[in-house]
Amino acid sequence: MKAQSVSASAISGKKLEDMERAHILRVVEECGGNQSHAADVLDIDRVTLYHKLKKYGWSRSSMDRDKKPDEVAR
């Protein structure tokens, strides 16, 4: 039997890298920006997570910008 090819549009046009980025950023935010905890949840080394976050342009301050003023730690 011949394997069927899957069109990119059938997968909502997302690339693996895009899905990985979204998942990592969601986990980091759910962990309150705690990179060590997020790395444990993702089952990757903390340094690997650090490098991926740097590649994505993520920073703790970018997470704080998305919060309401009363949610930002003082």
PDB file of N, CA and C in Angstrom:
ATOM      1  N   MET A   1       0.843  -1.173   0.000  1.00  0.00           N
ATOM      2  CA  MET A   1       0.000   0.000   0.000  1.00  0.00           C
ATOM      3  C   MET A   1       0.892   1.241   0.000  1.00  0.00           C
ATOM      4  N   LYS A   2       0.567   2.219  -0.807  1.00  0.00           N
ATOM      5  CA  LYS A   2       1.346   3.440  -0.920  1.00  0.00           C
ATOM      6  C   LYS A   2       0.948   4.419   0.183  1.00  0.00           C
ATOM      7  N   ALA A   3       1.938   5.014   0.829  1.00  0.00           N
ATOM      8  CA  ALA A   3       1.675   5.985   1.898  1.00  0.00           C
ATOM      9  C   ALA A   3       1.087   7.257   1.302  1.00  0.00           C
ATOM     10  N   GLN A   4       0.121   7.814   1.991  1.00  0.00           N
ATOM     11  CA  GLN A   4      -0.488   9.055   1.540  1.00  0.00           C
ATOM     12  C   GLN A   4       0.346  10.227   2.040  1.00  0.00           C
ATOM     13  N   SER A   5       0.492  11.251   1.202  1.00  0.00           N
ATOM     14  CA  SER A   5       1.199  12.441   1.656  1.00  0.00           C
ATOM     15  C   SER A   5       0.200  13.369   2.333  1.00  0.00           C
ATOM     16  N   VAL A   6       0.677  14.057   3.325  1.00  0.00           N
ATOM     17  CA  VAL A   6      -0.176  14.984   4.077  1.00  0.00           C
ATOM     18  C   VAL A   6       0.213  16.392   3.677  1.00  0.00           C
ATOM     19  N   SER A   7      -0.750  17.164   3.263  1.00  0.00           N
ATOM     20  CA  SER A   7      -0.449  18.531   2.867  1.00  0.00           C
ATOM     21  C   SER A   7      -0.238  19.393   4.109  1.00  0.00           C
ATOM     22  N   ALA A   8       0.548  20.435   3.943  1.00  0.00           N
ATOM     23  CA  ALA A   8       0.824  21.344   5.061  1.00  0.00           C
ATOM     24  C   ALA A   8      -0.465  21.983   5.572  1.00  0.00           C
ATOM     25  N   SER A   9      -1.392  22.265   4.667  1.00  0.00           N
ATOM     26  CA  SER A   9      -2.633  22.898   5.096  1.00  0.00           C
ATOM     27  C   SER A   9      -3.490  21.960   5.942  1.00  0.00           C
ATOM     28  N   ALA A  10      -3.295  20.661   5.777  1.00  0.00           N
ATOM     29  CA  ALA A  10      -4.056  19.702   6.586  1.00  0.00           C
ATOM     30  C   ALA A  10      -3.607  19.718   8.034  1.00  0.00           C
ATOM     31  N   ILE A  11      -2.432  20.281   8.286  1.00  0.00           N
ATOM     32  CA  ILE A  11      -1.904  20.339   9.643  1.00  0.00           C
ATOM     33  C   ILE A  11      -1.927  21.785  10.118  1.00  0.00           C
ATOM     34  N   SER A  12      -2.864  22.548   9.648  1.00  0.00           N
ATOM     35  CA  SER A  12      -3.033  23.954  10.012  1.00  0.00           C
ATOM     36  C   SER A  12      -1.836  24.809   9.647  1.00  0.00           C
ATOM     37  N   GLY A  13      -1.002  24.330   8.751  1.00  0.00           N
ATOM     38  CA  GLY A  13       0.129  25.119   8.306  1.00  0.00           C
ATOM     39  C   GLY A  13       1.233  25.308   9.331  1.00  0.00           C
ATOM     40  N   LYS A  14       1.199  24.573  10.427  1.00  0.00           N
ATOM     41  CA  LYS A  14       2.214  24.738  11.459  1.00  0.00           C
ATOM     42  C   LYS A  14       3.384  23.804  11.222  1.00  0.00           C
ATOM     43  N   LYS A  15       4.561  24.331  11.438  1.00  0.00           N
ATOM     44  CA  LYS A  15       5.763  23.523  11.350  1.00  0.00           C
ATOM     45  C   LYS A  15       6.071  22.981  12.744  1.00  0.00           C
ATOM     46  N   LEU A  16       6.856  21.926  12.794  1.00  0.00           N
ATOM     47  CA  LEU A  16       7.225  21.329  14.070  1.00  0.00           C
ATOM     48  C   LEU A  16       7.874  22.359  14.982  1.00  0.00           C
ATOM     49  N   GLU A  17       8.748  23.179  14.433  1.00  0.00           N
ATOM     50  CA  GLU A  17       9.418  24.204  15.239  1.00  0.00           C
ATOM     51  C   GLU A  17       8.414  25.177  15.852  1.00  0.00           C
ATOM     52  N   ASP A  18       7.380  25.546  15.090  1.00  0.00           N
ATOM     53  CA  ASP A  18       6.352  26.455  15.596  1.00  0.00           C
ATOM     54  C   ASP A  18       5.580  25.812  16.743  1.00  0.00           C
ATOM     55  N   MET A  19       5.256  24.525  16.593  1.00  0.00           N
ATOM     56  CA  MET A  19       4.515  23.824  17.642  1.00  0.00           C
ATOM     57  C   MET A  19       5.379  23.656  18.889  1.00  0.00           C
ATOM     58  N   GLU A  20       6.675  23.360  18.697  1.00  0.00           N
ATOM     59  CA  GLU A  20       7.588  23.230  19.831  1.00  0.00           C
ATOM     60  C   GLU A  20       7.680  24.557  20.582  1.00  0.00           C
ATOM     61  N   ARG A  21       7.837  25.648  19.841  1.00  0.00           N
ATOM     62  CA  ARG A  21       7.940  26.980  20.458  1.00  0.00           C
ATOM     63  C   ARG A  21       6.693  27.287  21.282  1.00  0.00           C
ATOM     64  N   ALA A  22       5.529  27.072  20.703  1.00  0.00           N
ATOM     65  CA  ALA A  22       4.278  27.359  21.411  1.00  0.00           C
ATOM     66  C   ALA A  22       4.159  26.521  22.673  1.00  0.00           C
ATOM     67  N   HIS A  23       4.518  25.252  22.594  1.00  0.00           N
ATOM     68  CA  HIS A  23       4.419  24.358  23.753  1.00  0.00           C
ATOM     69  C   HIS A  23       5.391  24.783  24.854  1.00  0.00           C
ATOM     70  N   ILE A  24       6.628  25.064  24.484  1.00  0.00           N
ATOM     71  CA  ILE A  24       7.629  25.465  25.470  1.00  0.00           C
ATOM     72  C   ILE A  24       7.215  26.762  26.153  1.00  0.00           C
ATOM     73  N   LEU A  25       6.798  27.750  25.386  1.00  0.00           N
ATOM     74  CA  LEU A  25       6.402  29.028  25.976  1.00  0.00           C
ATOM     75  C   LEU A  25       5.192  28.882  26.890  1.00  0.00           C
ATOM     76  N   ARG A  26       4.252  28.019  26.494  1.00  0.00           N
ATOM     77  CA  ARG A  26       3.071  27.787  27.342  1.00  0.00           C
ATOM     78  C   ARG A  26       3.479  27.150  28.669  1.00  0.00           C
ATOM     79  N   VAL A  27       4.362  26.158  28.609  1.00  0.00           N
ATOM     80  CA  VAL A  27       4.808  25.486  29.838  1.00  0.00           C
ATOM     81  C   VAL A  27       5.570  26.455  30.735  1.00  0.00           C
ATOM     82  N   VAL A  28       6.454  27.263  30.163  1.00  0.00           N
ATOM     83  CA  VAL A  28       7.219  28.222  30.961  1.00  0.00           C
ATOM     84  C   VAL A  28       6.274  29.201  31.650  1.00  0.00           C
ATOM     85  N   GLU A  29       5.288  29.685  30.938  1.00  0.00           N
ATOM     86  CA  GLU A  29       4.343  30.624  31.536  1.00  0.00           C
ATOM     87  C   GLU A  29       3.495  29.953  32.610  1.00  0.00           C
ATOM     88  N   GLU A  30       3.099  28.687  32.385  1.00  0.00           N
ATOM     89  CA  GLU A  30       2.331  27.964  33.395  1.00  0.00           C
ATOM     90  C   GLU A  30       3.163  27.702  34.647  1.00  0.00           C
ATOM     91  N   CYS A  31       4.492  27.677  34.485  1.00  0.00           N
ATOM     92  CA  CYS A  31       5.406  27.487  35.619  1.00  0.00           C
ATOM     93  C   CYS A  31       5.810  28.829  36.223  1.00  0.00           C
ATOM     94  N   GLY A  32       5.120  29.885  35.850  1.00  0.00           N
ATOM     95  CA  GLY A  32       5.387  31.204  36.406  1.00  0.00           C
ATOM     96  C   GLY A  32       6.749  31.757  36.034  1.00  0.00           C
ATOM     97  N   GLY A  33       7.309  31.289  34.921  1.00  0.00           N
ATOM     98  CA  GLY A  33       8.607  31.759  34.480  1.00  0.00           C
ATOM     99  C   GLY A  33       9.769  31.003  35.109  1.00  0.00           C
ATOM    100  N   ASN A  34       9.469  30.029  35.964  1.00  0.00           N
ATOM    101  CA  ASN A  34      10.515  29.242  36.618  1.00  0.00           C
ATOM    102  C   ASN A  34      11.088  28.258  35.605  1.00  0.00           C
ATOM    103  N   GLN A  35      12.261  28.580  35.087  1.00  0.00           N
ATOM    104  CA  GLN A  35      12.847  27.791  34.015  1.00  0.00           C
ATOM    105  C   GLN A  35      13.269  26.398  34.474  1.00  0.00           C
ATOM    106  N   SER A  36      13.741  26.275  35.701  1.00  0.00           N
ATOM    107  CA  SER A  36      14.140  24.953  36.201  1.00  0.00           C
ATOM    108  C   SER A  36      12.937  24.028  36.281  1.00  0.00           C
ATOM    109  N   HIS A  37      11.828  24.548  36.790  1.00  0.00           N
ATOM    110  CA  HIS A  37      10.609  23.738  36.889  1.00  0.00           C
ATOM    111  C   HIS A  37      10.085  23.393  35.496  1.00  0.00           C
ATOM    112  N   ALA A  38      10.092  24.373  34.594  1.00  0.00           N
ATOM    113  CA  ALA A  38       9.615  24.137  33.227  1.00  0.00           C
ATOM    114  C   ALA A  38      10.474  23.084  32.530  1.00  0.00           C
ATOM    115  N   ALA A  39      11.790  23.140  32.738  1.00  0.00           N
ATOM    116  CA  ALA A  39      12.678  22.145  32.134  1.00  0.00           C
ATOM    117  C   ALA A  39      12.348  20.748  32.652  1.00  0.00           C
ATOM    118  N   ASP A  40      12.044  20.649  33.952  1.00  0.00           N
ATOM    119  CA  ASP A  40      11.651  19.356  34.524  1.00  0.00           C
ATOM    120  C   ASP A  40      10.355  18.856  33.887  1.00  0.00           C
ATOM    121  N   VAL A  41       9.369  19.748  33.753  1.00  0.00           N
ATOM    122  CA  VAL A  41       8.086  19.381  33.156  1.00  0.00           C
ATOM    123  C   VAL A  41       8.282  18.935  31.707  1.00  0.00           C
ATOM    124  N   LEU A  42       9.132  19.641  30.987  1.00  0.00           N
ATOM    125  CA  LEU A  42       9.380  19.332  29.578  1.00  0.00           C
ATOM    126  C   LEU A  42      10.340  18.161  29.395  1.00  0.00           C
ATOM    127  N   ASP A  43      10.970  17.744  30.483  1.00  0.00           N
ATOM    128  CA  ASP A  43      11.955  16.650  30.466  1.00  0.00           C
ATOM    129  C   ASP A  43      13.124  16.970  29.541  1.00  0.00           C
ATOM    130  N   ILE A  44      13.610  18.232  29.651  1.00  0.00           N
ATOM    131  CA  ILE A  44      14.810  18.635  28.927  1.00  0.00           C
ATOM    132  C   ILE A  44      15.759  19.302  29.912  1.00  0.00           C
ATOM    133  N   ASP A  45      17.023  19.385  29.544  1.00  0.00           N
ATOM    134  CA  ASP A  45      18.012  20.024  30.392  1.00  0.00           C
ATOM    135  C   ASP A  45      17.709  21.519  30.513  1.00  0.00           C
ATOM    136  N   ARG A  46      17.968  22.081  31.680  1.00  0.00           N
ATOM    137  CA  ARG A  46      17.699  23.493  31.921  1.00  0.00           C
ATOM    138  C   ARG A  46      18.476  24.387  30.955  1.00  0.00           C
ATOM    139  N   VAL A  47      19.704  24.031  30.641  1.00  0.00           N
ATOM    140  CA  VAL A  47      20.519  24.825  29.712  1.00  0.00           C
ATOM    141  C   VAL A  47      19.918  24.771  28.301  1.00  0.00           C
ATOM    142  N   THR A  48      19.406  23.617  27.904  1.00  0.00           N
ATOM    143  CA  THR A  48      18.738  23.492  26.601  1.00  0.00           C
ATOM    144  C   THR A  48      17.527  24.414  26.554  1.00  0.00           C
ATOM    145  N   LEU A  49      16.745  24.418  27.629  1.00  0.00           N
ATOM    146  CA  LEU A  49      15.577  25.305  27.684  1.00  0.00           C
ATOM    147  C   LEU A  49      16.020  26.760  27.605  1.00  0.00           C
ATOM    148  N   TYR A  50      17.058  27.111  28.347  1.00  0.00           N
ATOM    149  CA  TYR A  50      17.572  28.482  28.327  1.00  0.00           C
ATOM    150  C   TYR A  50      17.918  28.905  26.896  1.00  0.00           C
ATOM    151  N   HIS A  51      18.618  28.038  26.165  1.00  0.00           N
ATOM    152  CA  HIS A  51      19.010  28.363  24.787  1.00  0.00           C
ATOM    153  C   HIS A  51      17.798  28.494  23.868  1.00  0.00           C
ATOM    154  N   LYS A  52      16.807  27.633  24.050  1.00  0.00           N
ATOM    155  CA  LYS A  52      15.596  27.721  23.225  1.00  0.00           C
ATOM    156  C   LYS A  52      14.845  29.024  23.516  1.00  0.00           C
ATOM    157  N   LEU A  53      14.738  29.387  24.788  1.00  0.00           N
ATOM    158  CA  LEU A  53      14.047  30.623  25.148  1.00  0.00           C
ATOM    159  C   LEU A  53      14.780  31.843  24.583  1.00  0.00           C
ATOM    160  N   LYS A  54      16.096  31.801  24.622  1.00  0.00           N
ATOM    161  CA  LYS A  54      16.886  32.896  24.053  1.00  0.00           C
ATOM    162  C   LYS A  54      16.626  32.992  22.547  1.00  0.00           C
ATOM    163  N   LYS A  55      16.584  31.836  21.878  1.00  0.00           N
ATOM    164  CA  LYS A  55      16.311  31.787  20.436  1.00  0.00           C
ATOM    165  C   LYS A  55      14.932  32.372  20.123  1.00  0.00           C
ATOM    166  N   TYR A  56      13.950  32.109  20.999  1.00  0.00           N
ATOM    167  CA  TYR A  56      12.583  32.593  20.786  1.00  0.00           C
ATOM    168  C   TYR A  56      12.398  34.045  21.216  1.00  0.00           C
ATOM    169  N   GLY A  57      13.426  34.626  21.854  1.00  0.00           N
ATOM    170  CA  GLY A  57      13.310  36.012  22.297  1.00  0.00           C
ATOM    171  C   GLY A  57      12.502  36.173  23.562  1.00  0.00           C
ATOM    172  N   TRP A  58      12.342  35.092  24.328  1.00  0.00           N
ATOM    173  CA  TRP A  58      11.558  35.140  25.558  1.00  0.00           C
ATOM    174  C   TRP A  58      12.419  35.674  26.693  1.00  0.00           C
ATOM    175  N   SER A  59      11.803  36.448  27.555  1.00  0.00           N
ATOM    176  CA  SER A  59      12.467  36.879  28.782  1.00  0.00           C
ATOM    177  C   SER A  59      11.401  36.999  29.860  1.00  0.00           C
ATOM    178  N   ARG A  60      11.841  36.985  31.096  1.00  0.00           N
ATOM    179  CA  ARG A  60      10.892  37.124  32.210  1.00  0.00           C
ATOM    180  C   ARG A  60      10.136  38.446  32.078  1.00  0.00           C
ATOM    181  N   SER A  61      10.810  39.484  31.607  1.00  0.00           N
ATOM    182  CA  SER A  61      10.142  40.786  31.457  1.00  0.00           C
ATOM    183  C   SER A  61       9.065  40.731  30.376  1.00  0.00           C
ATOM    184  N   SER A  62       9.260  39.897  29.351  1.00  0.00           N
ATOM    185  CA  SER A  62       8.212  39.780  28.324  1.00  0.00           C
ATOM    186  C   SER A  62       6.981  39.108  28.905  1.00  0.00           C
ATOM    187  N   MET A  63       7.186  38.213  29.869  1.00  0.00           N
ATOM    188  CA  MET A  63       6.062  37.561  30.531  1.00  0.00           C
ATOM    189  C   MET A  63       5.327  38.576  31.402  1.00  0.00           C
ATOM    190  N   ASP A  64       6.068  39.464  32.087  1.00  0.00           N
ATOM    191  CA  ASP A  64       5.456  40.474  32.948  1.00  0.00           C
ATOM    192  C   ASP A  64       4.660  41.492  32.148  1.00  0.00           C
ATOM    193  N   ARG A  65       5.096  41.793  30.916  1.00  0.00           N
ATOM    194  CA  ARG A  65       4.358  42.752  30.080  1.00  0.00           C
ATOM    195  C   ARG A  65       2.965  42.249  29.744  1.00  0.00           C
ATOM    196  N   ASP A  66       2.795  40.909  29.691  1.00  0.00           N
ATOM    197  CA  ASP A  66       1.507  40.333  29.335  1.00  0.00           C
ATOM    198  C   ASP A  66       0.531  40.309  30.510  1.00  0.00           C
ATOM    199  N   LYS A  67       1.024  40.591  31.730  1.00  0.00           N
ATOM    200  CA  LYS A  67       0.176  40.537  32.909  1.00  0.00           C
ATOM    201  C   LYS A  67      -0.442  41.893  33.172  1.00  0.00           C
ATOM    202  N   LYS A  68      -1.509  41.872  33.951  1.00  0.00           N
ATOM    203  CA  LYS A  68      -2.108  43.115  34.409  1.00  0.00           C
ATOM    204  C   LYS A  68      -1.166  43.715  35.459  1.00  0.00           C
ATOM    205  N   PRO A  69      -1.168  45.018  35.616  1.00  0.00           N
ATOM    206  CA  PRO A  69      -0.241  45.665  36.558  1.00  0.00           C
ATOM    207  C   PRO A  69      -0.290  45.080  37.972  1.00  0.00           C
ATOM    208  N   ASP A  70      -1.456  44.674  38.462  1.00  0.00           N
ATOM    209  CA  ASP A  70      -1.550  44.150  39.817  1.00  0.00           C
ATOM    210  C   ASP A  70      -1.049  42.707  39.930  1.00  0.00           C
ATOM    211  N   GLU A  71      -0.746  42.044  38.800  1.00  0.00           N
ATOM    212  CA  GLU A  71      -0.235  40.667  38.823  1.00  0.00           C
ATOM    213  C   GLU A  71       1.287  40.618  38.793  1.00  0.00           C
ATOM    214  N   VAL A  72       1.941  41.720  38.448  1.00  0.00           N
ATOM    215  CA  VAL A  72       3.393  41.750  38.339  1.00  0.00           C
ATOM    216  C   VAL A  72       3.995  41.762  39.736  1.00  0.00           C
ATOM    217  N   ALA A  73       4.968  40.871  39.958  1.00  0.00           N
ATOM    218  CA  ALA A  73       5.635  40.818  41.268  1.00  0.00           C
ATOM    219  C   ALA A  73       6.387  42.100  41.519  1.00  0.00           C
ATOM    220  N   ARG A  74       6.342  42.554  42.724  1.00  0.00           N
ATOM    221  CA  ARG A  74       7.024  43.803  43.089  1.00  0.00           C
ATOM    222  C   ARG A  74       8.318  43.504  43.773  1.00  0.00           C
TER     223      ARG A  74
END
